[in-house]
Amino acid sequence: MSTTIALSGTKKGVISIAKLEEPYGKDSGTVASIGISLSGNVDAPEWKVHLPLDNLDEVIEALQALK
């Protein structure tokens, strides 16, 4: 599963969101991967973060609180 969102304030930028299973090798935990590419290259974002799925609900709450 992956999603791409247009990055506000840019001409071609995108935010890419994907679920990665075992991103660091066998038995590593599943993460939500969030990447930002100013050039629109989903496969090579300039910035990315991996969030353990166990922390996802708390991160979503914190992000929603920013609104």
PDB file of N, CA and C in Angstrom:
ATOM      1  N   MET A   1       0.834  -1.181   0.000  1.00  0.00           N
ATOM      2  CA  MET A   1       0.000   0.000   0.000  1.00  0.00           C
ATOM      3  C   MET A   1       0.877   1.241   0.000  1.00  0.00           C
ATOM      4  N   SER A   2       0.587   2.171  -0.887  1.00  0.00           N
ATOM      5  CA  SER A   2       1.302   3.446  -0.892  1.00  0.00           C
ATOM      6  C   SER A   2       0.381   4.543  -1.398  1.00  0.00           C
ATOM      7  N   THR A   3       0.686   5.757  -0.968  1.00  0.00           N
ATOM      8  CA  THR A   3      -0.106   6.924  -1.337  1.00  0.00           C
ATOM      9  C   THR A   3       0.851   8.054  -1.689  1.00  0.00           C
ATOM     10  N   THR A   4       0.491   8.840  -2.683  1.00  0.00           N
ATOM     11  CA  THR A   4       1.276  10.014  -3.054  1.00  0.00           C
ATOM     12  C   THR A   4       0.379  11.235  -2.977  1.00  0.00           C
ATOM     13  N   ILE A   5       0.888  12.294  -2.343  1.00  0.00           N
ATOM     14  CA  ILE A   5       0.143  13.535  -2.144  1.00  0.00           C
ATOM     15  C   ILE A   5       0.974  14.680  -2.720  1.00  0.00           C
ATOM     16  N   ALA A   6       0.326  15.590  -3.437  1.00  0.00           N
ATOM     17  CA  ALA A   6       1.027  16.774  -3.943  1.00  0.00           C
ATOM     18  C   ALA A   6       1.514  17.615  -2.757  1.00  0.00           C
ATOM     19  N   LEU A   7       2.756  18.066  -2.828  1.00  0.00           N
ATOM     20  CA  LEU A   7       3.354  18.871  -1.766  1.00  0.00           C
ATOM     21  C   LEU A   7       2.991  20.339  -1.984  1.00  0.00           C
ATOM     22  N   SER A   8       2.202  20.870  -1.104  1.00  0.00           N
ATOM     23  CA  SER A   8       1.735  22.253  -1.198  1.00  0.00           C
ATOM     24  C   SER A   8       2.919  23.221  -1.273  1.00  0.00           C
ATOM     25  N   GLY A   9       2.783  24.241  -2.098  1.00  0.00           N
ATOM     26  CA  GLY A   9       3.814  25.267  -2.218  1.00  0.00           C
ATOM     27  C   GLY A   9       4.943  24.921  -3.172  1.00  0.00           C
ATOM     28  N   THR A  10       4.833  23.787  -3.878  1.00  0.00           N
ATOM     29  CA  THR A  10       5.854  23.398  -4.846  1.00  0.00           C
ATOM     30  C   THR A  10       5.195  23.135  -6.199  1.00  0.00           C
ATOM     31  N   LYS A  11       6.011  23.129  -7.247  1.00  0.00           N
ATOM     32  CA  LYS A  11       5.491  22.843  -8.583  1.00  0.00           C
ATOM     33  C   LYS A  11       5.362  21.342  -8.826  1.00  0.00           C
ATOM     34  N   LYS A  12       6.368  20.564  -8.381  1.00  0.00           N
ATOM     35  CA  LYS A  12       6.368  19.128  -8.670  1.00  0.00           C
ATOM     36  C   LYS A  12       6.494  18.264  -7.415  1.00  0.00           C
ATOM     37  N   GLY A  13       6.646  18.874  -6.261  1.00  0.00           N
ATOM     38  CA  GLY A  13       6.928  18.126  -5.044  1.00  0.00           C
ATOM     39  C   GLY A  13       5.815  17.173  -4.636  1.00  0.00           C
ATOM     40  N   VAL A  14       6.217  16.085  -3.980  1.00  0.00           N
ATOM     41  CA  VAL A  14       5.259  15.092  -3.502  1.00  0.00           C
ATOM     42  C   VAL A  14       5.636  14.602  -2.110  1.00  0.00           C
ATOM     43  N   ILE A  15       4.617  14.155  -1.405  1.00  0.00           N
ATOM     44  CA  ILE A  15       4.778  13.428  -0.154  1.00  0.00           C
ATOM     45  C   ILE A  15       4.380  11.999  -0.470  1.00  0.00           C
ATOM     46  N   SER A  16       5.242  11.053  -0.174  1.00  0.00           N
ATOM     47  CA  SER A  16       4.909   9.647  -0.419  1.00  0.00           C
ATOM     48  C   SER A  16       4.806   8.926   0.919  1.00  0.00           C
ATOM     49  N   ILE A  17       3.789   8.093   1.028  1.00  0.00           N
ATOM     50  CA  ILE A  17       3.538   7.352   2.264  1.00  0.00           C
ATOM     51  C   ILE A  17       3.392   5.883   1.901  1.00  0.00           C
ATOM     52  N   ALA A  18       4.144   5.036   2.588  1.00  0.00           N
ATOM     53  CA  ALA A  18       4.095   3.598   2.294  1.00  0.00           C
ATOM     54  C   ALA A  18       4.282   2.796   3.574  1.00  0.00           C
ATOM     55  N   LYS A  19       3.780   1.589   3.558  1.00  0.00           N
ATOM     56  CA  LYS A  19       3.985   0.638   4.647  1.00  0.00           C
ATOM     57  C   LYS A  19       5.105  -0.305   4.224  1.00  0.00           C
ATOM     58  N   LEU A  20       6.165  -0.387   5.040  1.00  0.00           N
ATOM     59  CA  LEU A  20       7.307  -1.240   4.729  1.00  0.00           C
ATOM     60  C   LEU A  20       7.422  -2.341   5.780  1.00  0.00           C
ATOM     61  N   GLU A  21       7.390  -3.578   5.335  1.00  0.00           N
ATOM     62  CA  GLU A  21       7.552  -4.704   6.238  1.00  0.00           C
ATOM     63  C   GLU A  21       9.006  -5.158   6.228  1.00  0.00           C
ATOM     64  N   GLU A  22       9.552  -5.368   7.406  1.00  0.00           N
ATOM     65  CA  GLU A  22      10.950  -5.778   7.593  1.00  0.00           C
ATOM     66  C   GLU A  22      11.920  -4.863   6.835  1.00  0.00           C
ATOM     67  N   PRO A  23      11.849  -3.541   7.055  1.00  0.00           N
ATOM     68  CA  PRO A  23      12.692  -2.618   6.297  1.00  0.00           C
ATOM     69  C   PRO A  23      14.182  -2.724   6.623  1.00  0.00           C
ATOM     70  N   TYR A  24      14.505  -3.282   7.775  1.00  0.00           N
ATOM     71  CA  TYR A  24      15.908  -3.363   8.186  1.00  0.00           C
ATOM     72  C   TYR A  24      16.387  -4.812   8.250  1.00  0.00           C
ATOM     73  N   GLY A  25      15.689  -5.692   7.543  1.00  0.00           N
ATOM     74  CA  GLY A  25      16.074  -7.095   7.518  1.00  0.00           C
ATOM     75  C   GLY A  25      15.080  -7.976   8.248  1.00  0.00           C
ATOM     76  N   LYS A  26      15.337  -9.253   8.222  1.00  0.00           N
ATOM     77  CA  LYS A  26      14.445 -10.260   8.808  1.00  0.00           C
ATOM     78  C   LYS A  26      14.117  -9.936  10.260  1.00  0.00           C
ATOM     79  N   ASP A  27      12.829 -10.012  10.576  1.00  0.00           N
ATOM     80  CA  ASP A  27      12.296  -9.808  11.924  1.00  0.00           C
ATOM     81  C   ASP A  27      12.331  -8.358  12.400  1.00  0.00           C
ATOM     82  N   SER A  28      12.692  -7.395  11.538  1.00  0.00           N
ATOM     83  CA  SER A  28      12.590  -5.990  11.956  1.00  0.00           C
ATOM     84  C   SER A  28      11.127  -5.564  11.841  1.00  0.00           C
ATOM     85  N   GLY A  29      10.720  -4.632  12.668  1.00  0.00           N
ATOM     86  CA  GLY A  29       9.324  -4.224  12.736  1.00  0.00           C
ATOM     87  C   GLY A  29       8.856  -3.447  11.518  1.00  0.00           C
ATOM     88  N   THR A  30       7.574  -3.569  11.231  1.00  0.00           N
ATOM     89  CA  THR A  30       6.943  -2.843  10.131  1.00  0.00           C
ATOM     90  C   THR A  30       6.887  -1.356  10.457  1.00  0.00           C
ATOM     91  N   VAL A  31       7.115  -0.512   9.447  1.00  0.00           N
ATOM     92  CA  VAL A  31       7.109   0.935   9.638  1.00  0.00           C
ATOM     93  C   VAL A  31       6.221   1.623   8.606  1.00  0.00           C
ATOM     94  N   ALA A  32       5.793   2.813   8.954  1.00  0.00           N
ATOM     95  CA  ALA A  32       5.193   3.725   7.986  1.00  0.00           C
ATOM     96  C   ALA A  32       6.341   4.597   7.485  1.00  0.00           C
ATOM     97  N   SER A  33       6.553   4.606   6.189  1.00  0.00           N
ATOM     98  CA  SER A  33       7.620   5.397   5.590  1.00  0.00           C
ATOM     99  C   SER A  33       7.006   6.641   4.965  1.00  0.00           C
ATOM    100  N   ILE A  34       7.512   7.810   5.348  1.00  0.00           N
ATOM    101  CA  ILE A  34       7.027   9.078   4.809  1.00  0.00           C
ATOM    102  C   ILE A  34       8.207   9.775   4.149  1.00  0.00           C
ATOM    103  N   GLY A  35       8.075  10.024   2.848  1.00  0.00           N
ATOM    104  CA  GLY A  35       9.147  10.670   2.100  1.00  0.00           C
ATOM    105  C   GLY A  35       8.666  11.964   1.478  1.00  0.00           C
ATOM    106  N   ILE A  36       9.593  12.909   1.317  1.00  0.00           N
ATOM    107  CA  ILE A  36       9.287  14.172   0.644  1.00  0.00           C
ATOM    108  C   ILE A  36      10.304  14.365  -0.466  1.00  0.00           C
ATOM    109  N   SER A  37       9.781  14.598  -1.665  1.00  0.00           N
ATOM    110  CA  SER A  37      10.626  14.864  -2.824  1.00  0.00           C
ATOM    111  C   SER A  37      10.190  16.173  -3.466  1.00  0.00           C
ATOM    112  N   LEU A  38      11.083  17.132  -3.517  1.00  0.00           N
ATOM    113  CA  LEU A  38      10.772  18.413  -4.165  1.00  0.00           C
ATOM    114  C   LEU A  38      10.721  18.270  -5.677  1.00  0.00           C
ATOM    115  N   SER A  39      11.450  17.288  -6.206  1.00  0.00           N
ATOM    116  CA  SER A  39      11.489  17.087  -7.658  1.00  0.00           C
ATOM    117  C   SER A  39      10.371  16.175  -8.152  1.00  0.00           C
ATOM    118  N   GLY A  40       9.616  15.573  -7.221  1.00  0.00           N
ATOM    119  CA  GLY A  40       8.538  14.676  -7.612  1.00  0.00           C
ATOM    120  C   GLY A  40       8.965  13.239  -7.797  1.00  0.00           C
ATOM    121  N   ASN A  41      10.200  12.911  -7.424  1.00  0.00           N
ATOM    122  CA  ASN A  41      10.705  11.547  -7.576  1.00  0.00           C
ATOM    123  C   ASN A  41      10.334  10.718  -6.340  1.00  0.00           C
ATOM    124  N   VAL A  42       9.252   9.965  -6.452  1.00  0.00           N
ATOM    125  CA  VAL A  42       8.749   9.160  -5.335  1.00  0.00           C
ATOM    126  C   VAL A  42       9.773   8.114  -4.890  1.00  0.00           C
ATOM    127  N   ASP A  43      10.575   7.616  -5.821  1.00  0.00           N
ATOM    128  CA  ASP A  43      11.528   6.553  -5.516  1.00  0.00           C
ATOM    129  C   ASP A  43      12.818   7.044  -4.865  1.00  0.00           C
ATOM    130  N   ALA A  44      13.058   8.339  -4.876  1.00  0.00           N
ATOM    131  CA  ALA A  44      14.285   8.884  -4.278  1.00  0.00           C
ATOM    132  C   ALA A  44      13.986  10.203  -3.558  1.00  0.00           C
ATOM    133  N   PRO A  45      13.250  10.123  -2.444  1.00  0.00           N
ATOM    134  CA  PRO A  45      12.915  11.361  -1.726  1.00  0.00           C
ATOM    135  C   PRO A  45      14.154  11.999  -1.099  1.00  0.00           C
ATOM    136  N   GLU A  46      14.154  13.320  -1.017  1.00  0.00           N
ATOM    137  CA  GLU A  46      15.265  14.025  -0.377  1.00  0.00           C
ATOM    138  C   GLU A  46      15.221  13.843   1.142  1.00  0.00           C
ATOM    139  N   TRP A  47      14.032  13.712   1.698  1.00  0.00           N
ATOM    140  CA  TRP A  47      13.859  13.503   3.137  1.00  0.00           C
ATOM    141  C   TRP A  47      12.925  12.331   3.351  1.00  0.00           C
ATOM    142  N   LYS A  48      13.207  11.539   4.383  1.00  0.00           N
ATOM    143  CA  LYS A  48      12.263  10.478   4.736  1.00  0.00           C
ATOM    144  C   LYS A  48      12.389  10.135   6.208  1.00  0.00           C
ATOM    145  N   VAL A  49      11.305   9.585   6.727  1.00  0.00           N
ATOM    146  CA  VAL A  49      11.264   9.138   8.117  1.00  0.00           C
ATOM    147  C   VAL A  49      10.538   7.806   8.148  1.00  0.00           C
ATOM    148  N   HIS A  50      10.987   6.924   9.026  1.00  0.00           N
ATOM    149  CA  HIS A  50      10.319   5.652   9.246  1.00  0.00           C
ATOM    150  C   HIS A  50       9.746   5.664  10.658  1.00  0.00           C
ATOM    151  N   LEU A  51       8.439   5.485  10.744  1.00  0.00           N
ATOM    152  CA  LEU A  51       7.758   5.471  12.031  1.00  0.00           C
ATOM    153  C   LEU A  51       7.293   4.055  12.340  1.00  0.00           C
ATOM    154  N   PRO A  52       7.714   3.485  13.479  1.00  0.00           N
ATOM    155  CA  PRO A  52       7.209   2.169  13.845  1.00  0.00           C
ATOM    156  C   PRO A  52       5.683   2.207  13.944  1.00  0.00           C
ATOM    157  N   LEU A  53       5.032   1.181  13.438  1.00  0.00           N
ATOM    158  CA  LEU A  53       3.564   1.169  13.480  1.00  0.00           C
ATOM    159  C   LEU A  53       3.039   1.251  14.903  1.00  0.00           C
ATOM    160  N   ASP A  54       3.801   0.760  15.880  1.00  0.00           N
ATOM    161  CA  ASP A  54       3.378   0.854  17.280  1.00  0.00           C
ATOM    162  C   ASP A  54       3.240   2.298  17.751  1.00  0.00           C
ATOM    163  N   ASN A  55       3.929   3.239  17.106  1.00  0.00           N
ATOM    164  CA  ASN A  55       3.863   4.654  17.486  1.00  0.00           C
ATOM    165  C   ASN A  55       2.905   5.467  16.622  1.00  0.00           C
ATOM    166  N   LEU A  56       2.317   4.850  15.628  1.00  0.00           N
ATOM    167  CA  LEU A  56       1.556   5.587  14.624  1.00  0.00           C
ATOM    168  C   LEU A  56       0.368   6.357  15.202  1.00  0.00           C
ATOM    169  N   ASP A  57      -0.408   5.749  16.087  1.00  0.00           N
ATOM    170  CA  ASP A  57      -1.573   6.445  16.647  1.00  0.00           C
ATOM    171  C   ASP A  57      -1.164   7.712  17.396  1.00  0.00           C
ATOM    172  N   GLU A  58      -0.089   7.628  18.186  1.00  0.00           N
ATOM    173  CA  GLU A  58       0.383   8.797  18.937  1.00  0.00           C
ATOM    174  C   GLU A  58       0.888   9.889  17.998  1.00  0.00           C
ATOM    175  N   VAL A  59       1.586   9.498  16.951  1.00  0.00           N
ATOM    176  CA  VAL A  59       2.105  10.482  15.986  1.00  0.00           C
ATOM    177  C   VAL A  59       0.947  11.168  15.268  1.00  0.00           C
ATOM    178  N   ILE A  60      -0.065  10.405  14.875  1.00  0.00           N
ATOM    179  CA  ILE A  60      -1.235  10.991  14.214  1.00  0.00           C
ATOM    180  C   ILE A  60      -1.928  11.981  15.130  1.00  0.00           C
ATOM    181  N   GLU A  61      -2.101  11.642  16.400  1.00  0.00           N
ATOM    182  CA  GLU A  61      -2.720  12.554  17.365  1.00  0.00           C
ATOM    183  C   GLU A  61      -1.914  13.834  17.488  1.00  0.00           C
ATOM    184  N   ALA A  62      -0.589  13.710  17.578  1.00  0.00           N
ATOM    185  CA  ALA A  62       0.275  14.889  17.715  1.00  0.00           C
ATOM    186  C   ALA A  62       0.194  15.775  16.480  1.00  0.00           C
ATOM    187  N   LEU A  63       0.153  15.158  15.297  1.00  0.00           N
ATOM    188  CA  LEU A  63       0.036  15.936  14.058  1.00  0.00           C
ATOM    189  C   LEU A  63      -1.315  16.642  13.973  1.00  0.00           C
ATOM    190  N   GLN A  64      -2.384  15.951  14.363  1.00  0.00           N
ATOM    191  CA  GLN A  64      -3.710  16.563  14.336  1.00  0.00           C
ATOM    192  C   GLN A  64      -3.800  17.740  15.305  1.00  0.00           C
ATOM    193  N   ALA A  65      -3.085  17.655  16.420  1.00  0.00           N
ATOM    194  CA  ALA A  65      -3.075  18.740  17.403  1.00  0.00           C
ATOM    195  C   ALA A  65      -2.432  20.009  16.841  1.00  0.00           C
ATOM    196  N   LEU A  66      -1.584  19.871  15.820  1.00  0.00           N
ATOM    197  CA  LEU A  66      -0.937  21.037  15.210  1.00  0.00           C
ATOM    198  C   LEU A  66      -1.910  21.914  14.446  1.00  0.00           C
ATOM    199  N   LYS A  67      -3.033  21.327  14.035  1.00  0.00           N
ATOM    200  CA  LYS A  67      -4.016  22.094  13.272  1.00  0.00           C
ATOM    201  C   LYS A  67      -4.558  23.190  14.148  1.00  0.00           C
TER     202      LYS A  67
END
